[in-house]
Every structure is written in structure tokens, then in C-alpha cells.
């Protein structure tokens, strides 16, 4: 087993394989991806996850995230 796979967990983000440290909370992961958590919507394992639950959401092996960036304009 490689060092990467033993020290990280695998998840799917917008259909692509990603890794993060065990115990990573959703807002921290979004920041690691270079996203502003205030400007995205997240589907977590097939369900829209309301922002009030983000701080309590610890990512687990095999989780599936769909992240949509909110863009304003006119």
C-alpha cells in the first residue's frame, strides 16, 4: 500500500478521485480545493447538504461530493 493511500481517504468530487486526510471537515476540504465555502453549494452522497451542517460533516472514505460554484452576474 502506498504512503498516500495509507495516510489519506479516497472520495469522489465532481466525478473525479480526490484524497484528503482522515477527519477532514467539509469546510476545510473546500478551502484545500481553493474554493470559497461561502460561494459554493454541495451535494453530499446524493443529498443537498445545508450549510448549517457543514461544520459537523467529517468526510469519510467513499463519500461522493458534487460542488457547484455560485456565480453572480448580469
PDB file of N, CA and C in Angstrom:
ATOM      1  N   UNK A   1       0.855  -1.184   0.000  1.00  0.00           N
ATOM      2  CA  UNK A   1       0.000   0.000   0.000  1.00  0.00           C
ATOM      3  C   UNK A   1       0.890   1.232   0.000  1.00  0.00           C
ATOM      4  N   UNK A   2       0.571   2.197  -0.800  1.00  0.00           N
ATOM      5  CA  UNK A   2       1.405   3.388  -0.895  1.00  0.00           C
ATOM      6  C   UNK A   2       1.204   4.292   0.306  1.00  0.00           C
ATOM      7  N   UNK A   3       2.159   5.183   0.516  1.00  0.00           N
ATOM      8  CA  UNK A   3       2.065   6.129   1.623  1.00  0.00           C
ATOM      9  C   UNK A   3       0.846   7.029   1.478  1.00  0.00           C
ATOM     10  N   UNK A   4       0.541   7.463   0.241  1.00  0.00           N
ATOM     11  CA  UNK A   4      -0.617   8.320   0.008  1.00  0.00           C
ATOM     12  C   UNK A   4      -1.899   7.629   0.441  1.00  0.00           C
ATOM     13  N   UNK A   5      -2.082   6.368   0.048  1.00  0.00           N
ATOM     14  CA  UNK A   5      -3.333   5.686   0.356  1.00  0.00           C
ATOM     15  C   UNK A   5      -3.452   5.326   1.825  1.00  0.00           C
ATOM     16  N   UNK A   6      -2.336   5.151   2.541  1.00  0.00           N
ATOM     17  CA  UNK A   6      -2.423   4.788   3.953  1.00  0.00           C
ATOM     18  C   UNK A   6      -2.646   6.005   4.848  1.00  0.00           C
ATOM     19  N   UNK A   7      -2.326   7.201   4.357  1.00  0.00           N
ATOM     20  CA  UNK A   7      -2.472   8.392   5.192  1.00  0.00           C
ATOM     21  C   UNK A   7      -3.628   9.277   4.742  1.00  0.00           C
ATOM     22  N   UNK A   8      -4.375   8.844   3.725  1.00  0.00           N
ATOM     23  CA  UNK A   8      -5.493   9.634   3.222  1.00  0.00           C
ATOM     24  C   UNK A   8      -6.693   8.735   2.966  1.00  0.00           C
ATOM     25  N   UNK A   9      -7.845   9.375   2.778  1.00  0.00           N
ATOM     26  CA  UNK A   9      -9.034   8.638   2.372  1.00  0.00           C
ATOM     27  C   UNK A   9      -9.417   9.085   0.966  1.00  0.00           C
ATOM     28  N   UNK A  10     -10.009   8.175   0.207  1.00  0.00           N
ATOM     29  CA  UNK A  10     -10.404   8.463  -1.172  1.00  0.00           C
ATOM     30  C   UNK A  10     -11.874   8.843  -1.218  1.00  0.00           C
ATOM     31  N   UNK A  11     -12.181   9.878  -2.016  1.00  0.00           N
ATOM     32  CA  UNK A  11     -13.558  10.270  -2.257  1.00  0.00           C
ATOM     33  C   UNK A  11     -13.705  10.713  -3.696  1.00  0.00           C
ATOM     34  N   UNK A  12     -14.948  10.922  -4.106  1.00  0.00           N
ATOM     35  CA  UNK A  12     -15.245  11.405  -5.452  1.00  0.00           C
ATOM     36  C   UNK A  12     -15.731  12.843  -5.357  1.00  0.00           C
ATOM     37  N   UNK A  13     -15.112  13.727  -6.127  1.00  0.00           N
ATOM     38  CA  UNK A  13     -15.516  15.132  -6.155  1.00  0.00           C
ATOM     39  C   UNK A  13     -15.798  15.497  -7.608  1.00  0.00           C
ATOM     40  N   UNK A  14     -17.047  15.804  -7.889  1.00  0.00           N
ATOM     41  CA  UNK A  14     -17.472  16.118  -9.260  1.00  0.00           C
ATOM     42  C   UNK A  14     -17.008  15.042 -10.240  1.00  0.00           C
ATOM     43  N   UNK A  15     -17.117  13.778  -9.801  1.00  0.00           N
ATOM     44  CA  UNK A  15     -16.785  12.645 -10.655  1.00  0.00           C
ATOM     45  C   UNK A  15     -15.319  12.289 -10.736  1.00  0.00           C
ATOM     46  N   UNK A  16     -14.458  13.018 -10.031  1.00  0.00           N
ATOM     47  CA  UNK A  16     -13.019  12.755 -10.067  1.00  0.00           C
ATOM     48  C   UNK A  16     -12.546  12.256  -8.710  1.00  0.00           C
ATOM     49  N   UNK A  17     -11.575  11.357  -8.730  1.00  0.00           N
ATOM     50  CA  UNK A  17     -11.000  10.844  -7.492  1.00  0.00           C
ATOM     51  C   UNK A  17     -10.187  11.939  -6.809  1.00  0.00           C
ATOM     52  N   UNK A  18     -10.405  12.095  -5.525  1.00  0.00           N
ATOM     53  CA  UNK A  18      -9.642  13.041  -4.696  1.00  0.00           C
ATOM     54  C   UNK A  18      -9.291  12.341  -3.395  1.00  0.00           C
ATOM     55  N   UNK A  19      -8.347  12.918  -2.671  1.00  0.00           N
ATOM     56  CA  UNK A  19      -7.940  12.378  -1.381  1.00  0.00           C
ATOM     57  C   UNK A  19      -7.888  13.492  -0.355  1.00  0.00           C
ATOM     58  N   UNK A  20      -8.106  13.116   0.890  1.00  0.00           N
ATOM     59  CA  UNK A  20      -7.946  14.058   1.995  1.00  0.00           C
ATOM     60  C   UNK A  20      -7.530  13.275   3.233  1.00  0.00           C
ATOM     61  N   UNK A  21      -7.091  13.992   4.234  1.00  0.00           N
ATOM     62  CA  UNK A  21      -6.692  13.363   5.486  1.00  0.00           C
ATOM     63  C   UNK A  21      -7.920  12.863   6.235  1.00  0.00           C
ATOM     64  N   UNK A  22      -7.795  11.742   6.931  1.00  0.00           N
ATOM     65  CA  UNK A  22      -8.912  11.294   7.770  1.00  0.00           C
ATOM     66  C   UNK A  22      -9.280  12.390   8.769  1.00  0.00           C
ATOM     67  N   UNK A  23     -10.560  12.561   9.019  1.00  0.00           N
ATOM     68  CA  UNK A  23     -11.021  13.570   9.970  1.00  0.00           C
ATOM     69  C   UNK A  23     -11.215  14.951   9.380  1.00  0.00           C
ATOM     70  N   UNK A  24     -11.011  15.104   8.061  1.00  0.00           N
ATOM     71  CA  UNK A  24     -11.181  16.409   7.424  1.00  0.00           C
ATOM     72  C   UNK A  24     -12.653  16.796   7.397  1.00  0.00           C
ATOM     73  N   UNK A  25     -12.937  18.014   7.852  1.00  0.00           N
ATOM     74  CA  UNK A  25     -14.306  18.516   7.801  1.00  0.00           C
ATOM     75  C   UNK A  25     -14.539  19.200   6.464  1.00  0.00           C
ATOM     76  N   UNK A  26     -15.799  19.209   6.042  1.00  0.00           N
ATOM     77  CA  UNK A  26     -16.153  19.729   4.728  1.00  0.00           C
ATOM     78  C   UNK A  26     -15.629  21.138   4.456  1.00  0.00           C
ATOM     79  N   UNK A  27     -15.824  22.127   5.346  1.00  0.00           N
ATOM     80  CA  UNK A  27     -15.323  23.474   5.027  1.00  0.00           C
ATOM     81  C   UNK A  27     -13.807  23.506   4.799  1.00  0.00           C
ATOM     82  N   UNK A  28     -13.068  22.711   5.565  1.00  0.00           N
ATOM     83  CA  UNK A  28     -11.617  22.659   5.396  1.00  0.00           C
ATOM     84  C   UNK A  28     -11.250  22.056   4.041  1.00  0.00           C
ATOM     85  N   UNK A  29     -11.980  21.030   3.634  1.00  0.00           N
ATOM     86  CA  UNK A  29     -11.717  20.404   2.341  1.00  0.00           C
ATOM     87  C   UNK A  29     -11.990  21.368   1.197  1.00  0.00           C
ATOM     88  N   UNK A  30     -13.077  22.110   1.301  1.00  0.00           N
ATOM     89  CA  UNK A  30     -13.389  23.099   0.264  1.00  0.00           C
ATOM     90  C   UNK A  30     -12.267  24.127   0.143  1.00  0.00           C
ATOM     91  N   UNK A  31     -11.747  24.561   1.274  1.00  0.00           N
ATOM     92  CA  UNK A  31     -10.636  25.519   1.276  1.00  0.00           C
ATOM     93  C   UNK A  31      -9.389  24.893   0.647  1.00  0.00           C
ATOM     94  N   UNK A  32      -9.130  23.616   0.966  1.00  0.00           N
ATOM     95  CA  UNK A  32      -7.987  22.917   0.376  1.00  0.00           C
ATOM     96  C   UNK A  32      -8.097  22.849  -1.147  1.00  0.00           C
ATOM     97  N   UNK A  33      -9.325  22.780  -1.645  1.00  0.00           N
ATOM     98  CA  UNK A  33      -9.547  22.754  -3.095  1.00  0.00           C
ATOM     99  C   UNK A  33      -9.429  24.139  -3.722  1.00  0.00           C
ATOM    100  N   UNK A  34      -9.225  25.162  -2.887  1.00  0.00           N
ATOM    101  CA  UNK A  34      -9.106  26.525  -3.393  1.00  0.00           C
ATOM    102  C   UNK A  34     -10.444  27.204  -3.604  1.00  0.00           C
ATOM    103  N   UNK A  35     -11.490  26.664  -2.973  1.00  0.00           N
ATOM    104  CA  UNK A  35     -12.831  27.219  -3.121  1.00  0.00           C
ATOM    105  C   UNK A  35     -13.194  28.071  -1.915  1.00  0.00           C
ATOM    106  N   UNK A  36     -13.991  29.084  -2.146  1.00  0.00           N
ATOM    107  CA  UNK A  36     -14.527  29.894  -1.059  1.00  0.00           C
ATOM    108  C   UNK A  36     -15.814  29.216  -0.601  1.00  0.00           C
ATOM    109  N   UNK A  37     -15.842  28.647   0.611  1.00  0.00           N
ATOM    110  CA  UNK A  37     -17.033  27.937   1.077  1.00  0.00           C
ATOM    111  C   UNK A  37     -18.312  28.770   1.038  1.00  0.00           C
ATOM    112  N   UNK A  38     -18.183  30.083   1.058  1.00  0.00           N
ATOM    113  CA  UNK A  38     -19.371  30.940   1.015  1.00  0.00           C
ATOM    114  C   UNK A  38     -19.979  31.024  -0.377  1.00  0.00           C
ATOM    115  N   UNK A  39     -19.234  30.571  -1.386  1.00  0.00           N
ATOM    116  CA  UNK A  39     -19.686  30.724  -2.772  1.00  0.00           C
ATOM    117  C   UNK A  39     -19.935  29.396  -3.481  1.00  0.00           C
ATOM    118  N   UNK A  40     -20.204  28.337  -2.711  1.00  0.00           N
ATOM    119  CA  UNK A  40     -20.479  27.038  -3.329  1.00  0.00           C
ATOM    120  C   UNK A  40     -21.712  26.397  -2.701  1.00  0.00           C
ATOM    121  N   UNK A  41     -22.310  25.492  -3.450  1.00  0.00           N
ATOM    122  CA  UNK A  41     -23.358  24.606  -2.949  1.00  0.00           C
ATOM    123  C   UNK A  41     -22.797  23.189  -3.038  1.00  0.00           C
ATOM    124  N   UNK A  42     -23.174  22.338  -2.077  1.00  0.00           N
ATOM    125  CA  UNK A  42     -22.602  20.999  -2.013  1.00  0.00           C
ATOM    126  C   UNK A  42     -23.700  19.940  -1.952  1.00  0.00           C
ATOM    127  N   UNK A  43     -23.570  18.961  -2.838  1.00  0.00           N
ATOM    128  CA  UNK A  43     -24.375  17.745  -2.752  1.00  0.00           C
ATOM    129  C   UNK A  43     -23.469  16.690  -2.132  1.00  0.00           C
ATOM    130  N   UNK A  44     -23.927  16.085  -1.055  1.00  0.00           N
ATOM    131  CA  UNK A  44     -23.128  15.131  -0.285  1.00  0.00           C
ATOM    132  C   UNK A  44     -23.815  13.773  -0.337  1.00  0.00           C
ATOM    133  N   UNK A  45     -23.199  12.825  -1.013  1.00  0.00           N
ATOM    134  CA  UNK A  45     -23.761  11.479  -1.161  1.00  0.00           C
ATOM    135  C   UNK A  45     -25.198  11.507  -1.668  1.00  0.00           C
ATOM    136  N   UNK A  46     -25.439  12.349  -2.669  1.00  0.00           N
ATOM    137  CA  UNK A  46     -26.727  12.383  -3.334  1.00  0.00           C
ATOM    138  C   UNK A  46     -27.762  13.307  -2.734  1.00  0.00           C
ATOM    139  N   UNK A  47     -27.422  14.007  -1.654  1.00  0.00           N
ATOM    140  CA  UNK A  47     -28.360  14.920  -0.998  1.00  0.00           C
ATOM    141  C   UNK A  47     -27.740  16.308  -0.892  1.00  0.00           C
ATOM    142  N   UNK A  48     -28.537  17.341  -1.161  1.00  0.00           N
ATOM    143  CA  UNK A  48     -28.055  18.706  -0.943  1.00  0.00           C
ATOM    144  C   UNK A  48     -27.795  18.866   0.551  1.00  0.00           C
ATOM    145  N   UNK A  49     -26.612  19.328   0.889  1.00  0.00           N
ATOM    146  CA  UNK A  49     -26.238  19.488   2.296  1.00  0.00           C
ATOM    147  C   UNK A  49     -26.338  20.958   2.674  1.00  0.00           C
ATOM    148  N   UNK A  50     -27.284  21.262   3.552  1.00  0.00           N
ATOM    149  CA  UNK A  50     -27.478  22.644   4.000  1.00  0.00           C
ATOM    150  C   UNK A  50     -26.230  23.117   4.736  1.00  0.00           C
ATOM    151  N   UNK A  51     -25.886  24.349   4.508  1.00  0.00           N
ATOM    152  CA  UNK A  51     -24.671  24.943   5.073  1.00  0.00           C
ATOM    153  C   UNK A  51     -24.575  24.793   6.598  1.00  0.00           C
ATOM    154  N   UNK A  52     -25.691  24.767   7.289  1.00  0.00           N
ATOM    155  CA  UNK A  52     -25.651  24.666   8.756  1.00  0.00           C
ATOM    156  C   UNK A  52     -25.041  23.347   9.228  1.00  0.00           C
ATOM    157  N   UNK A  53     -24.989  22.333   8.353  1.00  0.00           N
ATOM    158  CA  UNK A  53     -24.436  21.031   8.721  1.00  0.00           C
ATOM    159  C   UNK A  53     -22.984  20.847   8.288  1.00  0.00           C
ATOM    160  N   UNK A  54     -22.437  21.799   7.558  1.00  0.00           N
ATOM    161  CA  UNK A  54     -21.086  21.630   7.032  1.00  0.00           C
ATOM    162  C   UNK A  54     -20.046  21.430   8.123  1.00  0.00           C
ATOM    163  N   UNK A  55     -20.092  22.223   9.182  1.00  0.00           N
ATOM    164  CA  UNK A  55     -19.085  22.122  10.252  1.00  0.00           C
ATOM    165  C   UNK A  55     -19.125  20.760  10.935  1.00  0.00           C
ATOM    166  N   UNK A  56     -20.270  20.098  10.907  1.00  0.00           N
ATOM    167  CA  UNK A  56     -20.429  18.789  11.550  1.00  0.00           C
ATOM    168  C   UNK A  56     -20.181  17.635  10.591  1.00  0.00           C
ATOM    169  N   UNK A  57     -19.857  17.946   9.341  1.00  0.00           N
ATOM    170  CA  UNK A  57     -19.681  16.902   8.335  1.00  0.00           C
ATOM    171  C   UNK A  57     -18.203  16.575   8.183  1.00  0.00           C
ATOM    172  N   UNK A  58     -17.837  15.380   8.667  1.00  0.00           N
ATOM    173  CA  UNK A  58     -16.479  14.879   8.528  1.00  0.00           C
ATOM    174  C   UNK A  58     -16.464  13.917   7.352  1.00  0.00           C
ATOM    175  N   UNK A  59     -15.577  14.154   6.416  1.00  0.00           N
ATOM    176  CA  UNK A  59     -15.529  13.341   5.207  1.00  0.00           C
ATOM    177  C   UNK A  59     -15.075  11.924   5.529  1.00  0.00           C
ATOM    178  N   UNK A  60     -15.711  10.968   4.850  1.00  0.00           N
ATOM    179  CA  UNK A  60     -15.447   9.547   5.060  1.00  0.00           C
ATOM    180  C   UNK A  60     -15.019   8.901   3.746  1.00  0.00           C
ATOM    181  N   UNK A  61     -14.310   7.803   3.856  1.00  0.00           N
ATOM    182  CA  UNK A  61     -13.885   7.045   2.678  1.00  0.00           C
ATOM    183  C   UNK A  61     -15.100   6.730   1.806  1.00  0.00           C
ATOM    184  N   UNK A  62     -14.976   7.015   0.514  1.00  0.00           N
ATOM    185  CA  UNK A  62     -16.029   6.696  -0.438  1.00  0.00           C
ATOM    186  C   UNK A  62     -17.115   7.743  -0.591  1.00  0.00           C
ATOM    187  N   UNK A  63     -17.043   8.842   0.172  1.00  0.00           N
ATOM    188  CA  UNK A  63     -18.049   9.897   0.028  1.00  0.00           C
ATOM    189  C   UNK A  63     -18.044  10.429  -1.398  1.00  0.00           C
ATOM    190  N   UNK A  64     -19.225  10.874  -1.845  1.00  0.00           N
ATOM    191  CA  UNK A  64     -19.374  11.474  -3.172  1.00  0.00           C
ATOM    192  C   UNK A  64     -19.857  12.910  -3.003  1.00  0.00           C
ATOM    193  N   UNK A  65     -19.078  13.842  -3.522  1.00  0.00           N
ATOM    194  CA  UNK A  65     -19.426  15.257  -3.454  1.00  0.00           C
ATOM    195  C   UNK A  65     -19.619  15.808  -4.858  1.00  0.00           C
ATOM    196  N   UNK A  66     -20.642  16.607  -5.013  1.00  0.00           N
ATOM    197  CA  UNK A  66     -20.814  17.425  -6.211  1.00  0.00           C
ATOM    198  C   UNK A  66     -20.787  18.861  -5.713  1.00  0.00           C
ATOM    199  N   UNK A  67     -19.852  19.635  -6.211  1.00  0.00           N
ATOM    200  CA  UNK A  67     -19.664  21.008  -5.750  1.00  0.00           C
ATOM    201  C   UNK A  67     -19.952  21.946  -6.909  1.00  0.00           C
ATOM    202  N   UNK A  68     -20.845  22.885  -6.664  1.00  0.00           N
ATOM    203  CA  UNK A  68     -21.232  23.855  -7.681  1.00  0.00           C
ATOM    204  C   UNK A  68     -20.849  25.240  -7.185  1.00  0.00           C
ATOM    205  N   UNK A  69     -20.105  25.974  -7.989  1.00  0.00           N
ATOM    206  CA  UNK A  69     -19.721  27.338  -7.644  1.00  0.00           C
ATOM    207  C   UNK A  69     -20.844  28.287  -8.034  1.00  0.00           C
ATOM    208  N   UNK A  70     -21.195  29.161  -7.116  1.00  0.00           N
ATOM    209  CA  UNK A  70     -22.238  30.150  -7.350  1.00  0.00           C
ATOM    210  C   UNK A  70     -21.596  31.365  -8.008  1.00  0.00           C
ATOM    211  N   UNK A  71     -22.123  31.740  -9.168  1.00  0.00           N
ATOM    212  CA  UNK A  71     -21.579  32.867  -9.921  1.00  0.00           C
ATOM    213  C   UNK A  71     -22.679  33.904 -10.103  1.00  0.00           C
ATOM    214  N   UNK A  72     -22.373  35.132  -9.734  1.00  0.00           N
ATOM    215  CA  UNK A  72     -23.332  36.215  -9.935  1.00  0.00           C
ATOM    216  C   UNK A  72     -22.998  36.980 -11.201  1.00  0.00           C
ATOM    217  N   UNK A  73     -23.926  37.692 -11.669  1.00  0.00           N
ATOM    218  CA  UNK A  73     -23.661  38.492 -12.857  1.00  0.00           C
ATOM    219  C   UNK A  73     -24.952  38.978 -13.480  1.00  0.00           C
ATOM    220  N   UNK A  74     -24.796  39.671 -14.539  1.00  0.00           N
ATOM    221  CA  UNK A  74     -25.999  40.184 -15.169  1.00  0.00           C
ATOM    222  C   UNK A  74     -25.832  40.386 -16.642  1.00  0.00           C
TER     223      UNK A  74
END
